[in-house]
Amino acid sequence: MSQLERIIAPAVEAAGYRLVRLRLMGGKTKTLQIMAERPDGHMDVDDCARLSRMLSDFLDREDPIEGEYVLEVSSPGIDRPLTRLTDFSRWSGHEAKIELGAPDATGRKRFKGMLLGLDGNDVVIDVDGQRLKFPFRSIAEAKLVLTDKLIQEDLKARKNDAETAAKAATN
């Protein structure tokens, strides 16, 4: 966890969200990208705006970044990055891409296959019928692959959220 993440993650959590990913990118103007979600795993435009306002105030007070920068707050999206150990069990049964920080014993760094969950702190994935395990700490980047199954699950979750909100509004 970076020093910046140690400062910002508690502020994101205090606002009622979970930090999914934080990136500070350089260039002519720095960009601080914050990807977050509600505890239920969703994040809509209103959530992004609310968190952005809160973080802007927090960052103005704390001033943890030298110089000027642009703050971007977004949701993880359907083909979300997998950044926490729990993400790999939560999204078990879905296709994912995994990139290791260094090549494995076969010389490969990139893998695409079906997430099978966790074995302790190892991520388990099926790649072309072969069950592979990688220590979580060896994974540089991972993300879900946009599939019909993932889209259908997302649509179903959105429909359930809309129905729950409609019921709450009528009560």
N, C-alpha and C. Protein backbone atom coordinates (compact mmCIF):
# COMPACT_ATOMS: atom_id res chain seq x y z
N MET A 1 0.86 -1.18 0.00
CA MET A 1 0.00 0.00 0.00
C MET A 1 0.90 1.24 0.00
N SER A 2 0.62 2.15 -0.90
CA SER A 2 1.43 3.36 -1.01
C SER A 2 1.11 4.33 0.14
N GLN A 3 2.01 5.27 0.36
CA GLN A 3 1.79 6.28 1.40
C GLN A 3 0.53 7.08 1.11
N LEU A 4 0.30 7.40 -0.14
CA LEU A 4 -0.89 8.16 -0.53
C LEU A 4 -2.16 7.34 -0.25
N GLU A 5 -2.09 6.04 -0.53
CA GLU A 5 -3.24 5.17 -0.26
C GLU A 5 -3.53 5.10 1.24
N ARG A 6 -2.49 5.09 2.05
CA ARG A 6 -2.67 5.07 3.52
C ARG A 6 -3.39 6.32 4.02
N ILE A 7 -3.19 7.42 3.33
CA ILE A 7 -3.83 8.68 3.71
C ILE A 7 -5.27 8.74 3.19
N ILE A 8 -5.48 8.31 1.95
CA ILE A 8 -6.77 8.48 1.30
C ILE A 8 -7.78 7.37 1.64
N ALA A 9 -7.33 6.14 1.78
CA ALA A 9 -8.25 5.02 2.04
C ALA A 9 -9.15 5.26 3.25
N PRO A 10 -8.63 5.73 4.39
CA PRO A 10 -9.53 5.97 5.53
C PRO A 10 -10.58 7.05 5.24
N ALA A 11 -10.24 8.04 4.44
CA ALA A 11 -11.20 9.09 4.09
C ALA A 11 -12.31 8.52 3.19
N VAL A 12 -11.93 7.65 2.27
CA VAL A 12 -12.91 7.00 1.40
C VAL A 12 -13.85 6.14 2.25
N GLU A 13 -13.27 5.38 3.18
CA GLU A 13 -14.07 4.51 4.05
C GLU A 13 -14.97 5.33 4.98
N ALA A 14 -14.47 6.45 5.48
CA ALA A 14 -15.28 7.32 6.36
C ALA A 14 -16.49 7.87 5.62
N ALA A 15 -16.36 8.00 4.30
CA ALA A 15 -17.48 8.50 3.49
C ALA A 15 -18.46 7.38 3.15
N GLY A 16 -18.15 6.15 3.55
CA GLY A 16 -19.06 5.03 3.32
C GLY A 16 -18.77 4.22 2.06
N TYR A 17 -17.55 4.32 1.55
CA TYR A 17 -17.16 3.60 0.34
C TYR A 17 -15.93 2.75 0.59
N ARG A 18 -15.64 1.86 -0.36
CA ARG A 18 -14.40 1.07 -0.33
C ARG A 18 -13.51 1.52 -1.47
N LEU A 19 -12.25 1.71 -1.17
CA LEU A 19 -11.28 2.06 -2.20
C LEU A 19 -10.95 0.80 -3.00
N VAL A 20 -11.14 0.86 -4.30
CA VAL A 20 -10.82 -0.26 -5.17
C VAL A 20 -9.42 -0.09 -5.73
N ARG A 21 -9.12 1.10 -6.22
CA ARG A 21 -7.80 1.36 -6.77
C ARG A 21 -7.50 2.85 -6.71
N LEU A 22 -6.25 3.17 -6.48
CA LEU A 22 -5.77 4.55 -6.47
C LEU A 22 -4.55 4.61 -7.38
N ARG A 23 -4.54 5.56 -8.27
CA ARG A 23 -3.38 5.77 -9.14
C ARG A 23 -3.09 7.25 -9.24
N LEU A 24 -1.83 7.59 -9.12
CA LEU A 24 -1.37 8.96 -9.36
C LEU A 24 -0.50 8.91 -10.59
N MET A 25 -0.97 9.57 -11.65
CA MET A 25 -0.25 9.54 -12.92
C MET A 25 0.35 10.90 -13.19
N GLY A 26 1.57 10.87 -13.68
CA GLY A 26 2.28 12.11 -13.98
C GLY A 26 1.94 12.63 -15.36
N GLY A 27 2.72 13.56 -15.80
CA GLY A 27 2.48 14.21 -17.08
C GLY A 27 2.52 15.70 -16.85
N LYS A 28 2.06 16.44 -17.83
CA LYS A 28 2.04 17.89 -17.71
C LYS A 28 1.24 18.30 -16.47
N THR A 29 0.07 17.68 -16.31
CA THR A 29 -0.74 17.86 -15.11
C THR A 29 -0.97 16.48 -14.51
N LYS A 30 -0.68 16.32 -13.22
CA LYS A 30 -0.90 15.03 -12.56
C LYS A 30 -2.40 14.73 -12.48
N THR A 31 -2.72 13.44 -12.50
CA THR A 31 -4.10 12.99 -12.33
C THR A 31 -4.14 11.97 -11.21
N LEU A 32 -5.00 12.23 -10.24
CA LEU A 32 -5.22 11.29 -9.15
C LEU A 32 -6.52 10.56 -9.46
N GLN A 33 -6.40 9.27 -9.79
CA GLN A 33 -7.58 8.46 -10.11
C GLN A 33 -7.96 7.65 -8.87
N ILE A 34 -9.20 7.80 -8.45
CA ILE A 34 -9.74 7.06 -7.32
C ILE A 34 -10.89 6.22 -7.85
N MET A 35 -10.78 4.92 -7.72
CA MET A 35 -11.85 4.01 -8.10
C MET A 35 -12.42 3.46 -6.79
N ALA A 36 -13.73 3.60 -6.60
CA ALA A 36 -14.34 3.19 -5.34
C ALA A 36 -15.70 2.56 -5.60
N GLU A 37 -16.24 1.95 -4.53
CA GLU A 37 -17.57 1.36 -4.62
C GLU A 37 -18.22 1.39 -3.24
N ARG A 38 -19.54 1.28 -3.23
CA ARG A 38 -20.26 1.16 -1.98
C ARG A 38 -20.00 -0.24 -1.41
N PRO A 39 -20.30 -0.46 -0.15
CA PRO A 39 -20.10 -1.80 0.42
C PRO A 39 -20.87 -2.90 -0.31
N ASP A 40 -21.97 -2.54 -0.97
CA ASP A 40 -22.75 -3.55 -1.72
C ASP A 40 -22.16 -3.81 -3.10
N GLY A 41 -21.04 -3.14 -3.43
CA GLY A 41 -20.36 -3.37 -4.70
C GLY A 41 -20.81 -2.47 -5.83
N HIS A 42 -21.76 -1.61 -5.60
CA HIS A 42 -22.26 -0.72 -6.67
C HIS A 42 -21.70 0.69 -6.47
N MET A 43 -21.80 1.48 -7.53
CA MET A 43 -21.35 2.86 -7.48
C MET A 43 -21.98 3.57 -8.66
N ASP A 44 -22.85 4.55 -8.38
CA ASP A 44 -23.49 5.27 -9.48
C ASP A 44 -22.91 6.68 -9.59
N VAL A 45 -23.44 7.44 -10.52
CA VAL A 45 -22.92 8.78 -10.78
C VAL A 45 -23.06 9.68 -9.55
N ASP A 46 -24.19 9.57 -8.84
CA ASP A 46 -24.38 10.37 -7.62
C ASP A 46 -23.34 10.02 -6.57
N ASP A 47 -23.02 8.72 -6.44
CA ASP A 47 -21.98 8.30 -5.49
C ASP A 47 -20.63 8.90 -5.87
N CYS A 48 -20.31 8.86 -7.16
CA CYS A 48 -19.03 9.42 -7.64
C CYS A 48 -18.95 10.91 -7.32
N ALA A 49 -20.04 11.64 -7.59
CA ALA A 49 -20.06 13.08 -7.33
C ALA A 49 -19.92 13.36 -5.83
N ARG A 50 -20.64 12.60 -5.01
CA ARG A 50 -20.60 12.79 -3.56
C ARG A 50 -19.18 12.52 -3.03
N LEU A 51 -18.59 11.41 -3.45
CA LEU A 51 -17.24 11.07 -2.99
C LEU A 51 -16.22 12.08 -3.52
N SER A 52 -16.39 12.54 -4.75
CA SER A 52 -15.47 13.52 -5.32
C SER A 52 -15.47 14.82 -4.52
N ARG A 53 -16.66 15.30 -4.15
CA ARG A 53 -16.75 16.53 -3.35
C ARG A 53 -16.08 16.34 -1.98
N MET A 54 -16.37 15.21 -1.35
CA MET A 54 -15.81 14.95 -0.04
C MET A 54 -14.28 14.84 -0.11
N LEU A 55 -13.78 14.11 -1.12
CA LEU A 55 -12.33 13.95 -1.25
C LEU A 55 -11.65 15.26 -1.63
N SER A 56 -12.31 16.09 -2.44
CA SER A 56 -11.73 17.40 -2.78
C SER A 56 -11.49 18.22 -1.52
N ASP A 57 -12.51 18.26 -0.65
CA ASP A 57 -12.36 18.99 0.62
C ASP A 57 -11.26 18.38 1.47
N PHE A 58 -11.24 17.06 1.57
CA PHE A 58 -10.23 16.36 2.36
C PHE A 58 -8.82 16.64 1.83
N LEU A 59 -8.64 16.52 0.51
CA LEU A 59 -7.33 16.72 -0.10
C LEU A 59 -6.87 18.17 0.01
N ASP A 60 -7.81 19.11 -0.06
CA ASP A 60 -7.46 20.52 0.13
C ASP A 60 -6.93 20.75 1.54
N ARG A 61 -7.56 20.11 2.53
CA ARG A 61 -7.12 20.25 3.93
C ARG A 61 -5.79 19.55 4.19
N GLU A 62 -5.68 18.31 3.74
CA GLU A 62 -4.49 17.50 4.05
C GLU A 62 -3.31 17.80 3.14
N ASP A 63 -3.57 18.18 1.90
CA ASP A 63 -2.55 18.54 0.91
C ASP A 63 -1.42 17.50 0.80
N PRO A 64 -1.78 16.21 0.50
CA PRO A 64 -0.75 15.17 0.45
C PRO A 64 0.00 15.07 -0.87
N ILE A 65 -0.44 15.84 -1.88
CA ILE A 65 0.18 15.76 -3.20
C ILE A 65 0.80 17.10 -3.54
N GLU A 66 2.07 17.06 -3.88
CA GLU A 66 2.78 18.29 -4.22
C GLU A 66 2.36 18.76 -5.61
N GLY A 67 2.10 20.05 -5.75
CA GLY A 67 1.76 20.62 -7.04
C GLY A 67 0.29 20.46 -7.39
N GLU A 68 -0.02 20.83 -8.61
CA GLU A 68 -1.40 20.77 -9.09
C GLU A 68 -1.70 19.38 -9.63
N TYR A 69 -2.96 19.00 -9.52
CA TYR A 69 -3.41 17.72 -10.06
C TYR A 69 -4.91 17.78 -10.29
N VAL A 70 -5.39 16.82 -11.06
CA VAL A 70 -6.81 16.68 -11.34
C VAL A 70 -7.29 15.43 -10.60
N LEU A 71 -8.42 15.54 -9.91
CA LEU A 71 -9.01 14.41 -9.20
C LEU A 71 -10.07 13.77 -10.08
N GLU A 72 -9.98 12.46 -10.29
CA GLU A 72 -10.99 11.70 -11.03
C GLU A 72 -11.52 10.61 -10.11
N VAL A 73 -12.83 10.59 -9.88
CA VAL A 73 -13.46 9.55 -9.07
C VAL A 73 -14.38 8.76 -9.98
N SER A 74 -14.25 7.43 -9.95
CA SER A 74 -15.08 6.59 -10.81
C SER A 74 -15.45 5.28 -10.12
N SER A 75 -16.37 4.58 -10.76
CA SER A 75 -16.74 3.24 -10.31
C SER A 75 -15.79 2.24 -10.96
N PRO A 76 -15.72 1.03 -10.42
CA PRO A 76 -14.85 0.02 -11.03
C PRO A 76 -15.34 -0.44 -12.41
N GLY A 77 -16.64 -0.29 -12.69
CA GLY A 77 -17.18 -0.74 -13.96
C GLY A 77 -17.42 -2.25 -13.94
N ILE A 78 -18.03 -2.74 -15.00
CA ILE A 78 -18.36 -4.16 -15.07
C ILE A 78 -17.09 -5.00 -15.14
N ASP A 79 -16.16 -4.63 -16.01
CA ASP A 79 -14.92 -5.40 -16.15
C ASP A 79 -13.86 -4.84 -15.20
N ARG A 80 -14.22 -4.83 -13.96
CA ARG A 80 -13.48 -4.19 -12.88
C ARG A 80 -12.10 -4.80 -12.63
N PRO A 81 -11.20 -3.98 -12.08
CA PRO A 81 -9.92 -4.53 -11.64
C PRO A 81 -10.14 -5.36 -10.38
N LEU A 82 -9.32 -6.35 -10.20
CA LEU A 82 -9.34 -7.18 -9.00
C LEU A 82 -8.11 -6.78 -8.19
N THR A 83 -8.33 -6.09 -7.09
CA THR A 83 -7.21 -5.51 -6.35
C THR A 83 -7.04 -6.06 -4.94
N ARG A 84 -8.10 -6.63 -4.39
CA ARG A 84 -8.03 -7.18 -3.03
C ARG A 84 -8.13 -8.69 -3.11
N LEU A 85 -7.58 -9.36 -2.13
CA LEU A 85 -7.64 -10.82 -2.08
C LEU A 85 -9.09 -11.29 -2.16
N THR A 86 -9.98 -10.61 -1.45
CA THR A 86 -11.39 -11.01 -1.44
C THR A 86 -12.04 -10.89 -2.80
N ASP A 87 -11.53 -10.02 -3.68
CA ASP A 87 -12.10 -9.89 -5.03
C ASP A 87 -12.03 -11.21 -5.79
N PHE A 88 -10.95 -11.96 -5.56
CA PHE A 88 -10.75 -13.19 -6.32
C PHE A 88 -11.73 -14.29 -5.90
N SER A 89 -12.17 -14.27 -4.66
CA SER A 89 -13.20 -15.24 -4.26
C SER A 89 -14.59 -14.71 -4.63
N ARG A 90 -14.80 -13.41 -4.46
CA ARG A 90 -16.10 -12.82 -4.79
C ARG A 90 -16.46 -13.03 -6.25
N TRP A 91 -15.49 -12.94 -7.14
CA TRP A 91 -15.74 -13.03 -8.57
C TRP A 91 -15.38 -14.41 -9.14
N SER A 92 -15.25 -15.40 -8.26
CA SER A 92 -15.02 -16.78 -8.69
C SER A 92 -16.13 -17.20 -9.66
N GLY A 93 -15.73 -17.92 -10.70
CA GLY A 93 -16.72 -18.34 -11.71
C GLY A 93 -16.78 -17.40 -12.90
N HIS A 94 -16.00 -16.33 -12.86
CA HIS A 94 -15.95 -15.39 -13.97
C HIS A 94 -14.56 -15.42 -14.61
N GLU A 95 -14.53 -15.04 -15.87
CA GLU A 95 -13.28 -15.00 -16.60
C GLU A 95 -12.46 -13.77 -16.18
N ALA A 96 -11.15 -13.96 -16.08
CA ALA A 96 -10.28 -12.86 -15.66
C ALA A 96 -8.95 -12.92 -16.41
N LYS A 97 -8.31 -11.77 -16.46
CA LYS A 97 -6.94 -11.66 -16.96
C LYS A 97 -6.06 -11.35 -15.76
N ILE A 98 -4.95 -12.04 -15.68
CA ILE A 98 -4.00 -11.84 -14.58
C ILE A 98 -2.63 -11.60 -15.18
N GLU A 99 -1.96 -10.58 -14.67
CA GLU A 99 -0.58 -10.33 -15.07
C GLU A 99 0.29 -10.37 -13.82
N LEU A 100 1.33 -11.18 -13.88
CA LEU A 100 2.24 -11.31 -12.74
C LEU A 100 3.31 -10.22 -12.80
N GLY A 101 3.87 -9.90 -11.67
CA GLY A 101 4.94 -8.92 -11.61
C GLY A 101 6.22 -9.43 -12.26
N ALA A 102 6.42 -10.75 -12.22
CA ALA A 102 7.58 -11.40 -12.83
C ALA A 102 7.11 -12.71 -13.45
N PRO A 103 7.79 -13.17 -14.49
CA PRO A 103 7.37 -14.42 -15.14
C PRO A 103 7.37 -15.60 -14.15
N ASP A 104 6.45 -16.55 -14.39
CA ASP A 104 6.41 -17.76 -13.56
C ASP A 104 7.50 -18.72 -14.03
N ALA A 105 7.50 -19.95 -13.53
CA ALA A 105 8.53 -20.94 -13.87
C ALA A 105 8.56 -21.27 -15.36
N THR A 106 7.42 -21.08 -16.05
CA THR A 106 7.36 -21.37 -17.48
C THR A 106 7.76 -20.16 -18.33
N GLY A 107 7.98 -19.02 -17.68
CA GLY A 107 8.36 -17.81 -18.41
C GLY A 107 7.20 -16.91 -18.78
N ARG A 108 5.97 -17.31 -18.41
CA ARG A 108 4.78 -16.51 -18.73
C ARG A 108 4.48 -15.51 -17.62
N LYS A 109 3.95 -14.36 -18.05
CA LYS A 109 3.49 -13.34 -17.10
C LYS A 109 1.99 -13.10 -17.20
N ARG A 110 1.39 -13.39 -18.35
CA ARG A 110 -0.02 -13.06 -18.58
C ARG A 110 -0.85 -14.34 -18.73
N PHE A 111 -2.00 -14.32 -18.06
CA PHE A 111 -2.89 -15.48 -18.07
C PHE A 111 -4.33 -15.01 -18.20
N LYS A 112 -5.14 -15.81 -18.90
CA LYS A 112 -6.56 -15.52 -19.03
C LYS A 112 -7.29 -16.83 -18.81
N GLY A 113 -8.26 -16.80 -17.89
CA GLY A 113 -9.00 -18.03 -17.62
C GLY A 113 -10.12 -17.79 -16.63
N MET A 114 -10.69 -18.89 -16.14
CA MET A 114 -11.81 -18.86 -15.22
C MET A 114 -11.30 -18.80 -13.78
N LEU A 115 -11.73 -17.77 -13.05
CA LEU A 115 -11.34 -17.67 -11.63
C LEU A 115 -12.00 -18.80 -10.86
N LEU A 116 -11.21 -19.48 -10.05
CA LEU A 116 -11.71 -20.57 -9.23
C LEU A 116 -11.71 -20.21 -7.75
N GLY A 117 -11.28 -19.00 -7.43
CA GLY A 117 -11.29 -18.56 -6.04
C GLY A 117 -9.90 -18.53 -5.43
N LEU A 118 -9.85 -18.88 -4.14
CA LEU A 118 -8.61 -18.79 -3.38
C LEU A 118 -8.27 -20.13 -2.74
N ASP A 119 -6.99 -20.33 -2.55
CA ASP A 119 -6.46 -21.42 -1.74
C ASP A 119 -5.51 -20.75 -0.76
N GLY A 120 -6.02 -20.38 0.40
CA GLY A 120 -5.24 -19.57 1.34
C GLY A 120 -5.05 -18.18 0.76
N ASN A 121 -3.79 -17.77 0.57
CA ASN A 121 -3.48 -16.48 -0.04
C ASN A 121 -3.06 -16.63 -1.50
N ASP A 122 -3.37 -17.78 -2.09
CA ASP A 122 -3.07 -18.01 -3.50
C ASP A 122 -4.34 -17.86 -4.32
N VAL A 123 -4.21 -17.22 -5.47
CA VAL A 123 -5.32 -17.07 -6.41
C VAL A 123 -5.30 -18.30 -7.32
N VAL A 124 -6.47 -18.91 -7.50
CA VAL A 124 -6.57 -20.12 -8.32
C VAL A 124 -7.37 -19.78 -9.57
N ILE A 125 -6.83 -20.17 -10.73
CA ILE A 125 -7.45 -19.88 -12.01
C ILE A 125 -7.30 -21.10 -12.93
N ASP A 126 -8.32 -21.35 -13.73
CA ASP A 126 -8.26 -22.42 -14.71
C ASP A 126 -7.93 -21.79 -16.06
N VAL A 127 -6.79 -22.17 -16.61
CA VAL A 127 -6.35 -21.67 -17.91
C VAL A 127 -6.31 -22.86 -18.86
N ASP A 128 -7.26 -22.89 -19.79
CA ASP A 128 -7.34 -23.97 -20.79
C ASP A 128 -7.30 -25.35 -20.14
N GLY A 129 -8.09 -25.53 -19.08
CA GLY A 129 -8.19 -26.83 -18.42
C GLY A 129 -7.08 -27.12 -17.42
N GLN A 130 -6.15 -26.19 -17.26
CA GLN A 130 -5.06 -26.38 -16.31
C GLN A 130 -5.28 -25.48 -15.10
N ARG A 131 -5.30 -26.08 -13.91
CA ARG A 131 -5.51 -25.33 -12.67
C ARG A 131 -4.17 -24.74 -12.22
N LEU A 132 -4.12 -23.40 -12.17
CA LEU A 132 -2.89 -22.70 -11.78
C LEU A 132 -3.13 -21.92 -10.50
N LYS A 133 -2.09 -21.81 -9.68
CA LYS A 133 -2.15 -21.02 -8.44
C LYS A 133 -1.02 -20.01 -8.44
N PHE A 134 -1.38 -18.79 -8.04
CA PHE A 134 -0.39 -17.72 -7.94
C PHE A 134 -0.50 -17.06 -6.58
N PRO A 135 0.60 -16.83 -5.91
CA PRO A 135 0.52 -16.05 -4.67
C PRO A 135 -0.07 -14.67 -4.98
N PHE A 136 -1.00 -14.22 -4.15
CA PHE A 136 -1.64 -12.93 -4.37
C PHE A 136 -0.60 -11.83 -4.55
N ARG A 137 0.43 -11.84 -3.73
CA ARG A 137 1.45 -10.78 -3.78
C ARG A 137 2.24 -10.77 -5.09
N SER A 138 2.17 -11.86 -5.88
CA SER A 138 2.91 -11.91 -7.15
C SER A 138 2.12 -11.30 -8.31
N ILE A 139 0.85 -10.95 -8.05
CA ILE A 139 0.00 -10.42 -9.12
C ILE A 139 0.17 -8.91 -9.22
N ALA A 140 0.59 -8.45 -10.41
CA ALA A 140 0.79 -7.01 -10.65
C ALA A 140 -0.55 -6.36 -11.00
N GLU A 141 -1.33 -7.02 -11.85
CA GLU A 141 -2.63 -6.50 -12.27
C GLU A 141 -3.56 -7.65 -12.57
N ALA A 142 -4.83 -7.43 -12.29
CA ALA A 142 -5.85 -8.43 -12.64
C ALA A 142 -7.16 -7.69 -12.87
N LYS A 143 -7.95 -8.21 -13.79
CA LYS A 143 -9.26 -7.61 -14.05
C LYS A 143 -10.19 -8.65 -14.63
N LEU A 144 -11.48 -8.41 -14.44
CA LEU A 144 -12.48 -9.27 -15.03
C LEU A 144 -12.54 -9.03 -16.54
N VAL A 145 -12.90 -10.06 -17.26
CA VAL A 145 -13.09 -9.97 -18.70
C VAL A 145 -14.58 -9.75 -18.93
N LEU A 146 -14.91 -8.82 -19.80
CA LEU A 146 -16.31 -8.53 -20.11
C LEU A 146 -16.90 -9.70 -20.90
N THR A 147 -17.83 -10.42 -20.27
CA THR A 147 -18.47 -11.57 -20.90
C THR A 147 -19.98 -11.40 -20.81
N ASP A 148 -20.71 -12.20 -21.57
CA ASP A 148 -22.17 -12.17 -21.50
C ASP A 148 -22.64 -12.51 -20.09
N LYS A 149 -22.01 -13.48 -19.45
CA LYS A 149 -22.39 -13.88 -18.09
C LYS A 149 -22.23 -12.71 -17.12
N LEU A 150 -21.13 -12.00 -17.22
CA LEU A 150 -20.88 -10.85 -16.34
C LEU A 150 -21.90 -9.75 -16.59
N ILE A 151 -22.21 -9.49 -17.85
CA ILE A 151 -23.20 -8.46 -18.20
C ILE A 151 -24.57 -8.85 -17.65
N GLN A 152 -24.96 -10.12 -17.80
CA GLN A 152 -26.26 -10.58 -17.30
C GLN A 152 -26.35 -10.43 -15.78
N GLU A 153 -25.28 -10.78 -15.07
CA GLU A 153 -25.26 -10.62 -13.61
C GLU A 153 -25.39 -9.16 -13.21
N ASP A 154 -24.70 -8.29 -13.94
CA ASP A 154 -24.77 -6.86 -13.64
C ASP A 154 -26.17 -6.33 -13.88
N LEU A 155 -26.79 -6.72 -14.99
CA LEU A 155 -28.15 -6.27 -15.29
C LEU A 155 -29.14 -6.77 -14.23
N LYS A 156 -28.97 -8.01 -13.81
CA LYS A 156 -29.85 -8.58 -12.78
C LYS A 156 -29.69 -7.82 -11.47
N ALA A 157 -28.44 -7.51 -11.10
CA ALA A 157 -28.19 -6.76 -9.85
C ALA A 157 -28.79 -5.37 -9.93
N ARG A 158 -28.66 -4.71 -11.08
CA ARG A 158 -29.24 -3.37 -11.25
C ARG A 158 -30.77 -3.42 -11.15
N LYS A 159 -31.37 -4.44 -11.75
CA LYS A 159 -32.82 -4.59 -11.69
C LYS A 159 -33.26 -4.80 -10.24
N ASN A 160 -32.55 -5.66 -9.51
CA ASN A 160 -32.88 -5.90 -8.10
C ASN A 160 -32.73 -4.62 -7.27
N ASP A 161 -31.67 -3.83 -7.56
CA ASP A 161 -31.46 -2.55 -6.86
C ASP A 161 -32.62 -1.59 -7.13
N ALA A 162 -33.06 -1.53 -8.39
CA ALA A 162 -34.15 -0.64 -8.77
C ALA A 162 -35.46 -1.07 -8.10
N GLU A 163 -35.70 -2.38 -8.04
CA GLU A 163 -36.91 -2.88 -7.38
C GLU A 163 -36.88 -2.60 -5.88
N THR A 164 -35.72 -2.77 -5.26
CA THR A 164 -35.58 -2.48 -3.82
C THR A 164 -35.79 -1.01 -3.56
N ALA A 165 -35.24 -0.15 -4.40
CA ALA A 165 -35.41 1.30 -4.23
C ALA A 165 -36.88 1.70 -4.43
N ALA A 166 -37.54 1.09 -5.40
CA ALA A 166 -38.95 1.40 -5.64
C ALA A 166 -39.81 0.98 -4.45
N LYS A 167 -39.54 -0.17 -3.88
CA LYS A 167 -40.29 -0.63 -2.70
C LYS A 167 -40.05 0.28 -1.50
N ALA A 168 -38.79 0.71 -1.35
CA ALA A 168 -38.46 1.61 -0.23
C ALA A 168 -39.18 2.95 -0.39
N ALA A 169 -39.30 3.42 -1.64
CA ALA A 169 -39.95 4.70 -1.89
C ALA A 169 -41.45 4.66 -1.63
N THR A 170 -42.06 3.47 -1.80
CA THR A 170 -43.51 3.38 -1.58
C THR A 170 -43.86 3.10 -0.12
N ASN A 171 -42.88 2.73 0.68
CA ASN A 171 -43.14 2.44 2.12
C ASN A 171 -43.05 3.67 2.97
